[in-house]
Amino acid sequence: MSPDLSHIDSWIFDLDNTLYPADVEFFNQIVVKMNQFVSRYLSLEPEAALHLQKSYLAEYGTTLSGMMAVHGMDPTAFLDYVHDVDLGFLKPNLALRTAISALPGKKYIFTNGSKGHARNVATHLEVFDLFDGHFGVEDTGYIPKPKAHAYDAFLDVFDEIDPKKAIFFEDNLRNLEVPKQLGMRTVLLVSDADWSHEPAAARPASADIKADFVDYISDDLAGWLKTHT
């Protein structure tokens, strides 16, 4: 049976690996640049920097949060550097644009990346103009999803959102637990791409994932929206 989403008037989307299919080649650019930045910042060999980066990702939610918490790093230069990437790997999807455009109510982007990264990627994907707001990690005081504070900060900024009338789309399983607790519907975007190089807690989900805080699972965002709305 199709889900009853007639009450939904707020549609909240993660950015990376959600508004586009999980793309190892594209996202690996960011991973490489994070490794380069950490390596230089801490004067570490690349292999040691990569190990530290992954441990911070798993423990703190993002590499950035770990670097700030442990080393007192200023986030601005880091975000500018790691998000300066080639967007050519990503292709606009007319079906997705059509599906998002047809959604009733307001649409938002909520990313652990920067607001500039959200704007650049969504503009490249030809969907940015469809959103009523975008929210980046700087808006949370650099405290990322899945921390509850990040969602509270989002709802403080967009106080028109009633969580019980909202639905949240994410590729990272752990980032859906708090939205579900807040009363939102949740959709997990899954991929069969090989993310084994990422910490298990931080990698995009696969289709065999099961969790009681996930309402729906899909490997095709545009198709899911078209079918269920």
C-alpha atoms as a PDB file:
ATOM      1  CA  MET A   1       0.000   0.000   0.000  1.00  0.00           C
ATOM      2  CA  SER A   2       1.157   3.533  -0.706  1.00  0.00           C
ATOM      3  CA  PRO A   3       1.896   5.640   2.383  1.00  0.00           C
ATOM      4  CA  ASP A   4      -0.646   8.282   3.352  1.00  0.00           C
ATOM      5  CA  LEU A   5       1.300  11.542   3.082  1.00  0.00           C
ATOM      6  CA  SER A   6      -1.722  13.798   2.716  1.00  0.00           C
ATOM      7  CA  HIS A   7      -0.832  15.540   5.992  1.00  0.00           C
ATOM      8  CA  ILE A   8       2.745  16.340   4.956  1.00  0.00           C
ATOM      9  CA  ASP A   9       3.428  20.018   4.271  1.00  0.00           C
ATOM     10  CA  SER A  10       7.205  20.158   4.924  1.00  0.00           C
ATOM     11  CA  TRP A  11       9.675  18.127   2.861  1.00  0.00           C
ATOM     12  CA  ILE A  12      13.226  18.031   4.252  1.00  0.00           C
ATOM     13  CA  PHE A  13      16.099  16.634   2.199  1.00  0.00           C
ATOM     14  CA  ASP A  14      19.698  15.876   3.008  1.00  0.00           C
ATOM     15  CA  LEU A  15      22.048  16.917   0.195  1.00  0.00           C
ATOM     16  CA  ASP A  16      24.978  14.608  -0.591  1.00  0.00           C
ATOM     17  CA  ASN A  17      24.031  11.107  -1.731  1.00  0.00           C
ATOM     18  CA  THR A  18      20.356  12.053  -1.333  1.00  0.00           C
ATOM     19  CA  LEU A  19      19.490  14.715  -3.921  1.00  0.00           C
ATOM     20  CA  TYR A  20      21.710  12.731  -6.266  1.00  0.00           C
ATOM     21  CA  PRO A  21      22.380   8.957  -6.267  1.00  0.00           C
ATOM     22  CA  ALA A  22      25.213   7.957  -3.962  1.00  0.00           C
ATOM     23  CA  ASP A  23      28.277   8.678  -6.083  1.00  0.00           C
ATOM     24  CA  VAL A  24      31.593   7.355  -4.805  1.00  0.00           C
ATOM     25  CA  GLU A  25      33.618   9.256  -7.419  1.00  0.00           C
ATOM     26  CA  PHE A  26      32.073  12.621  -6.598  1.00  0.00           C
ATOM     27  CA  PHE A  27      32.057  12.280  -2.830  1.00  0.00           C
ATOM     28  CA  ASN A  28      35.551  10.794  -2.784  1.00  0.00           C
ATOM     29  CA  GLN A  29      36.811  14.193  -3.948  1.00  0.00           C
ATOM     30  CA  ILE A  30      35.644  15.638  -0.642  1.00  0.00           C
ATOM     31  CA  VAL A  31      37.155  12.738   1.303  1.00  0.00           C
ATOM     32  CA  VAL A  32      40.533  13.239  -0.402  1.00  0.00           C
ATOM     33  CA  LYS A  33      40.503  16.974   0.259  1.00  0.00           C
ATOM     34  CA  MET A  34      39.606  16.421   3.919  1.00  0.00           C
ATOM     35  CA  ASN A  35      42.557  14.063   4.204  1.00  0.00           C
ATOM     36  CA  GLN A  36      44.861  16.620   2.606  1.00  0.00           C
ATOM     37  CA  PHE A  37      43.670  19.377   4.929  1.00  0.00           C
ATOM     38  CA  VAL A  38      43.989  17.246   8.093  1.00  0.00           C
ATOM     39  CA  SER A  39      47.410  16.009   6.995  1.00  0.00           C
ATOM     40  CA  ARG A  40      48.734  19.546   6.537  1.00  0.00           C
ATOM     41  CA  TYR A  41      46.976  21.018   9.564  1.00  0.00           C
ATOM     42  CA  LEU A  42      48.354  18.389  11.972  1.00  0.00           C
ATOM     43  CA  SER A  43      51.623  17.666  10.113  1.00  0.00           C
ATOM     44  CA  LEU A  44      50.695  14.017   9.713  1.00  0.00           C
ATOM     45  CA  GLU A  45      51.486  11.508   7.021  1.00  0.00           C
ATOM     46  CA  PRO A  46      48.444  10.963   4.764  1.00  0.00           C
ATOM     47  CA  GLU A  47      47.765   7.456   6.082  1.00  0.00           C
ATOM     48  CA  ALA A  48      47.754   8.644   9.708  1.00  0.00           C
ATOM     49  CA  ALA A  49      45.576  11.621   8.763  1.00  0.00           C
ATOM     50  CA  LEU A  50      43.072   9.312   7.038  1.00  0.00           C
ATOM     51  CA  HIS A  51      42.851   7.064  10.092  1.00  0.00           C
ATOM     52  CA  LEU A  52      42.271  10.069  12.361  1.00  0.00           C
ATOM     53  CA  GLN A  53      39.723  11.532   9.959  1.00  0.00           C
ATOM     54  CA  LYS A  54      37.689   8.322   9.932  1.00  0.00           C
ATOM     55  CA  SER A  55      37.759   8.025  13.713  1.00  0.00           C
ATOM     56  CA  TYR A  56      36.466  11.583  14.077  1.00  0.00           C
ATOM     57  CA  LEU A  57      33.758  10.906  11.498  1.00  0.00           C
ATOM     58  CA  ALA A  58      32.525   7.914  13.465  1.00  0.00           C
ATOM     59  CA  GLU A  59      32.779   9.533  16.915  1.00  0.00           C
ATOM     60  CA  TYR A  60      31.756  13.142  16.276  1.00  0.00           C
ATOM     61  CA  GLY A  61      29.477  12.836  13.248  1.00  0.00           C
ATOM     62  CA  THR A  62      31.832  14.710  10.905  1.00  0.00           C
ATOM     63  CA  THR A  63      35.580  15.096  10.499  1.00  0.00           C
ATOM     64  CA  LEU A  64      35.070  18.829  10.973  1.00  0.00           C
ATOM     65  CA  SER A  65      33.462  18.419  14.400  1.00  0.00           C
ATOM     66  CA  GLY A  66      36.302  16.193  15.564  1.00  0.00           C
ATOM     67  CA  MET A  67      38.932  18.640  14.371  1.00  0.00           C
ATOM     68  CA  MET A  68      37.155  21.494  16.125  1.00  0.00           C
ATOM     69  CA  ALA A  69      36.578  19.589  19.374  1.00  0.00           C
ATOM     70  CA  VAL A  70      40.036  18.067  19.698  1.00  0.00           C
ATOM     71  CA  HIS A  71      42.277  20.611  17.957  1.00  0.00           C
ATOM     72  CA  GLY A  72      40.319  23.865  18.134  1.00  0.00           C
ATOM     73  CA  MET A  73      40.369  24.252  14.345  1.00  0.00           C
ATOM     74  CA  ASP A  74      38.628  27.210  12.690  1.00  0.00           C
ATOM     75  CA  PRO A  75      36.011  25.624  10.410  1.00  0.00           C
ATOM     76  CA  THR A  76      35.870  28.281   7.678  1.00  0.00           C
ATOM     77  CA  ALA A  77      39.059  27.429   5.794  1.00  0.00           C
ATOM     78  CA  PHE A  78      38.330  23.708   6.103  1.00  0.00           C
ATOM     79  CA  LEU A  79      34.852  23.975   4.587  1.00  0.00           C
ATOM     80  CA  ASP A  80      36.017  26.255   1.778  1.00  0.00           C
ATOM     81  CA  TYR A  81      38.811  23.841   0.878  1.00  0.00           C
ATOM     82  CA  VAL A  82      36.962  20.514   1.019  1.00  0.00           C
ATOM     83  CA  HIS A  83      33.922  21.762  -0.908  1.00  0.00           C
ATOM     84  CA  ASP A  84      35.954  23.156  -3.804  1.00  0.00           C
ATOM     85  CA  VAL A  85      35.265  20.125  -5.997  1.00  0.00           C
ATOM     86  CA  ASP A  86      34.385  19.210  -9.570  1.00  0.00           C
ATOM     87  CA  LEU A  87      30.587  19.072  -9.878  1.00  0.00           C
ATOM     88  CA  GLY A  88      30.830  17.538 -13.344  1.00  0.00           C
ATOM     89  CA  PHE A  89      30.417  14.036 -11.888  1.00  0.00           C
ATOM     90  CA  LEU A  90      26.798  14.915 -11.066  1.00  0.00           C
ATOM     91  CA  LYS A  91      24.105  15.147 -13.714  1.00  0.00           C
ATOM     92  CA  PRO A  92      20.826  17.073 -13.390  1.00  0.00           C
ATOM     93  CA  ASN A  93      17.780  14.817 -13.217  1.00  0.00           C
ATOM     94  CA  LEU A  94      14.694  16.272 -14.858  1.00  0.00           C
ATOM     95  CA  ALA A  95      12.486  13.627 -13.243  1.00  0.00           C
ATOM     96  CA  LEU A  96      13.683  14.721  -9.800  1.00  0.00           C
ATOM     97  CA  ARG A  97      13.079  18.375 -10.588  1.00  0.00           C
ATOM     98  CA  THR A  98       9.557  17.566 -11.748  1.00  0.00           C
ATOM     99  CA  ALA A  99       8.839  15.464  -8.653  1.00  0.00           C
ATOM    100  CA  ILE A 100      10.128  18.059  -6.164  1.00  0.00           C
ATOM    101  CA  SER A 101       8.340  20.868  -7.978  1.00  0.00           C
ATOM    102  CA  ALA A 102       5.040  19.004  -7.639  1.00  0.00           C
ATOM    103  CA  LEU A 103       5.287  18.505  -3.864  1.00  0.00           C
ATOM    104  CA  PRO A 104       2.616  20.312  -1.840  1.00  0.00           C
ATOM    105  CA  GLY A 105       3.946  22.594   0.856  1.00  0.00           C
ATOM    106  CA  LYS A 106       7.493  23.807   1.497  1.00  0.00           C
ATOM    107  CA  LYS A 107      10.806  22.145   0.701  1.00  0.00           C
ATOM    108  CA  TYR A 108      14.123  22.426   2.570  1.00  0.00           C
ATOM    109  CA  ILE A 109      17.731  21.230   2.308  1.00  0.00           C
ATOM    110  CA  PHE A 110      19.412  20.235   5.591  1.00  0.00           C
ATOM    111  CA  THR A 111      23.059  19.201   5.167  1.00  0.00           C
ATOM    112  CA  ASN A 112      26.098  18.532   7.330  1.00  0.00           C
ATOM    113  CA  GLY A 113      28.028  20.387   4.636  1.00  0.00           C
ATOM    114  CA  SER A 114      28.154  24.150   4.320  1.00  0.00           C
ATOM    115  CA  LYS A 115      25.326  26.309   3.026  1.00  0.00           C
ATOM    116  CA  GLY A 116      27.555  27.287   0.108  1.00  0.00           C
ATOM    117  CA  HIS A 117      28.086  23.630  -0.767  1.00  0.00           C
ATOM    118  CA  ALA A 118      24.324  23.049  -0.658  1.00  0.00           C
ATOM    119  CA  ARG A 119      23.713  26.019  -2.936  1.00  0.00           C
ATOM    120  CA  ASN A 120      26.453  25.007  -5.394  1.00  0.00           C
ATOM    121  CA  VAL A 121      25.424  21.347  -5.662  1.00  0.00           C
ATOM    122  CA  ALA A 122      21.671  21.967  -5.786  1.00  0.00           C
ATOM    123  CA  THR A 123      22.142  24.734  -8.362  1.00  0.00           C
ATOM    124  CA  HIS A 124      24.243  22.388 -10.492  1.00  0.00           C
ATOM    125  CA  LEU A 125      21.501  19.771 -10.173  1.00  0.00           C
ATOM    126  CA  GLU A 126      18.998  22.428 -11.335  1.00  0.00           C
ATOM    127  CA  VAL A 127      16.777  22.116  -8.260  1.00  0.00           C
ATOM    128  CA  PHE A 128      17.989  24.855  -5.892  1.00  0.00           C
ATOM    129  CA  ASP A 129      15.289  27.298  -6.959  1.00  0.00           C
ATOM    130  CA  LEU A 130      12.612  24.824  -5.850  1.00  0.00           C
ATOM    131  CA  PHE A 131      13.565  25.027  -2.167  1.00  0.00           C
ATOM    132  CA  ASP A 132      12.158  27.418   0.409  1.00  0.00           C
ATOM    133  CA  GLY A 133      15.256  27.251   2.581  1.00  0.00           C
ATOM    134  CA  HIS A 134      18.660  25.609   2.933  1.00  0.00           C
ATOM    135  CA  PHE A 135      20.466  24.902   6.177  1.00  0.00           C
ATOM    136  CA  GLY A 136      24.145  24.066   6.645  1.00  0.00           C
ATOM    137  CA  VAL A 137      26.415  22.941   9.448  1.00  0.00           C
ATOM    138  CA  GLU A 138      27.397  26.536  10.221  1.00  0.00           C
ATOM    139  CA  ASP A 139      23.746  27.180  11.158  1.00  0.00           C
ATOM    140  CA  THR A 140      24.011  24.588  13.940  1.00  0.00           C
ATOM    141  CA  GLY A 141      27.135  26.123  15.454  1.00  0.00           C
ATOM    142  CA  TYR A 142      29.045  23.343  13.663  1.00  0.00           C
ATOM    143  CA  ILE A 143      27.289  20.606  15.627  1.00  0.00           C
ATOM    144  CA  PRO A 144      26.226  18.090  12.952  1.00  0.00           C
ATOM    145  CA  LYS A 145      23.505  15.537  12.479  1.00  0.00           C
ATOM    146  CA  PRO A 146      22.892  13.089  14.156  1.00  0.00           C
ATOM    147  CA  LYS A 147      23.212  15.280  17.275  1.00  0.00           C
ATOM    148  CA  ALA A 148      19.778  16.379  18.512  1.00  0.00           C
ATOM    149  CA  HIS A 149      21.003  19.987  18.727  1.00  0.00           C
ATOM    150  CA  ALA A 150      21.339  20.144  14.940  1.00  0.00           C
ATOM    151  CA  TYR A 151      17.657  19.322  14.426  1.00  0.00           C
ATOM    152  CA  ASP A 152      16.588  21.721  17.174  1.00  0.00           C
ATOM    153  CA  ALA A 153      18.581  24.491  15.489  1.00  0.00           C
ATOM    154  CA  PHE A 154      16.971  23.677  12.140  1.00  0.00           C
ATOM    155  CA  LEU A 155      13.482  23.853  13.631  1.00  0.00           C
ATOM    156  CA  ASP A 156      14.337  27.099  15.428  1.00  0.00           C
ATOM    157  CA  VAL A 157      15.278  28.729  12.116  1.00  0.00           C
ATOM    158  CA  PHE A 158      12.337  27.266  10.200  1.00  0.00           C
ATOM    159  CA  ASP A 159       9.789  27.589  12.975  1.00  0.00           C
ATOM    160  CA  GLU A 160       6.906  27.222  10.531  1.00  0.00           C
ATOM    161  CA  ILE A 161       7.630  23.486  10.364  1.00  0.00           C
ATOM    162  CA  ASP A 162       5.424  21.172  12.406  1.00  0.00           C
ATOM    163  CA  PRO A 163       7.510  17.981  12.786  1.00  0.00           C
ATOM    164  CA  LYS A 164       4.336  15.896  12.802  1.00  0.00           C
ATOM    165  CA  LYS A 165       3.579  17.213   9.308  1.00  0.00           C
ATOM    166  CA  ALA A 166       7.126  16.797   7.989  1.00  0.00           C
ATOM    167  CA  ILE A 167       9.060  14.075   6.203  1.00  0.00           C
ATOM    168  CA  PHE A 168      12.859  13.689   6.226  1.00  0.00           C
ATOM    169  CA  PHE A 169      14.944  12.126   3.424  1.00  0.00           C
ATOM    170  CA  GLU A 170      18.462  10.877   4.239  1.00  0.00           C
ATOM    171  CA  ASP A 171      21.117   8.454   3.021  1.00  0.00           C
ATOM    172  CA  ASN A 172      22.714   8.003   6.455  1.00  0.00           C
ATOM    173  CA  LEU A 173      20.760   5.728   8.778  1.00  0.00           C
ATOM    174  CA  ARG A 174      21.801   7.321  12.050  1.00  0.00           C
ATOM    175  CA  ASN A 175      20.637  10.748  10.882  1.00  0.00           C
ATOM    176  CA  LEU A 176      16.990   9.599  10.808  1.00  0.00           C
ATOM    177  CA  GLU A 177      16.610   8.546  14.439  1.00  0.00           C
ATOM    178  CA  VAL A 178      16.067  12.052  15.848  1.00  0.00           C
ATOM    179  CA  PRO A 179      13.624  13.125  13.095  1.00  0.00           C
ATOM    180  CA  LYS A 180      11.535  10.043  13.894  1.00  0.00           C
ATOM    181  CA  GLN A 181      11.600  10.892  17.607  1.00  0.00           C
ATOM    182  CA  LEU A 182      10.395  14.393  16.722  1.00  0.00           C
ATOM    183  CA  GLY A 183       7.383  12.925  14.952  1.00  0.00           C
ATOM    184  CA  MET A 184       8.526  13.130  11.331  1.00  0.00           C
ATOM    185  CA  ARG A 185       8.084  10.470   8.678  1.00  0.00           C
ATOM    186  CA  THR A 186      11.460   9.153   7.520  1.00  0.00           C
ATOM    187  CA  VAL A 187      12.763   7.915   4.174  1.00  0.00           C
ATOM    188  CA  LEU A 188      16.154   6.208   3.858  1.00  0.00           C
ATOM    189  CA  LEU A 189      17.873   6.499   0.466  1.00  0.00           C
ATOM    190  CA  VAL A 190      19.983   3.405  -0.151  1.00  0.00           C
ATOM    191  CA  SER A 191      22.722   2.509  -2.607  1.00  0.00           C
ATOM    192  CA  ASP A 192      24.542  -0.563  -3.834  1.00  0.00           C
ATOM    193  CA  ALA A 193      27.743   1.469  -4.314  1.00  0.00           C
ATOM    194  CA  ASP A 194      30.797   0.198  -2.416  1.00  0.00           C
ATOM    195  CA  TRP A 195      31.265   2.410   0.666  1.00  0.00           C
ATOM    196  CA  SER A 196      33.287  -0.120   2.644  1.00  0.00           C
ATOM    197  CA  HIS A 197      36.124   2.412   2.914  1.00  0.00           C
ATOM    198  CA  GLU A 198      33.925   4.580   5.163  1.00  0.00           C
ATOM    199  CA  PRO A 199      33.203   3.867   8.867  1.00  0.00           C
ATOM    200  CA  ALA A 200      30.103   1.702   9.164  1.00  0.00           C
ATOM    201  CA  ALA A 201      28.224   4.317  11.201  1.00  0.00           C
ATOM    202  CA  ALA A 202      28.846   7.059   8.656  1.00  0.00           C
ATOM    203  CA  ARG A 203      28.485   5.395   5.260  1.00  0.00           C
ATOM    204  CA  PRO A 204      25.394   5.639   3.032  1.00  0.00           C
ATOM    205  CA  ALA A 205      22.938   2.862   3.768  1.00  0.00           C
ATOM    206  CA  SER A 206      22.421  -0.339   1.814  1.00  0.00           C
ATOM    207  CA  ALA A 207      19.080  -1.940   0.984  1.00  0.00           C
ATOM    208  CA  ASP A 208      19.360  -4.617   3.691  1.00  0.00           C
ATOM    209  CA  ILE A 209      19.300  -2.036   6.497  1.00  0.00           C
ATOM    210  CA  LYS A 210      16.488  -2.421   9.035  1.00  0.00           C
ATOM    211  CA  ALA A 211      15.605   0.077  11.759  1.00  0.00           C
ATOM    212  CA  ASP A 212      12.363   0.871  13.552  1.00  0.00           C
ATOM    213  CA  PHE A 213      12.884   4.599  13.016  1.00  0.00           C
ATOM    214  CA  VAL A 214      12.869   4.233   9.211  1.00  0.00           C
ATOM    215  CA  ASP A 215       9.406   4.345   7.661  1.00  0.00           C
ATOM    216  CA  TYR A 216      10.343   3.875   3.988  1.00  0.00           C
ATOM    217  CA  ILE A 217      13.383   2.782   2.000  1.00  0.00           C
ATOM    218  CA  SER A 218      14.136   3.657  -1.618  1.00  0.00           C
ATOM    219  CA  ASP A 219      17.012   3.577  -4.089  1.00  0.00           C
ATOM    220  CA  ASP A 220      15.321   6.113  -6.397  1.00  0.00           C
ATOM    221  CA  LEU A 221      14.278   9.442  -4.871  1.00  0.00           C
ATOM    222  CA  ALA A 222      12.563  10.785  -7.988  1.00  0.00           C
ATOM    223  CA  GLY A 223      10.664   7.543  -8.516  1.00  0.00           C
ATOM    224  CA  TRP A 224       9.607   7.354  -4.875  1.00  0.00           C
ATOM    225  CA  LEU A 225       8.280  10.918  -4.883  1.00  0.00           C
ATOM    226  CA  LYS A 226       6.399  10.364  -8.141  1.00  0.00           C
ATOM    227  CA  THR A 227       4.843   7.135  -6.905  1.00  0.00           C
ATOM    228  CA  HIS A 228       3.918   8.199  -3.385  1.00  0.00           C
ATOM    229  CA  THR A 229       2.880  11.850  -3.702  1.00  0.00           C
END
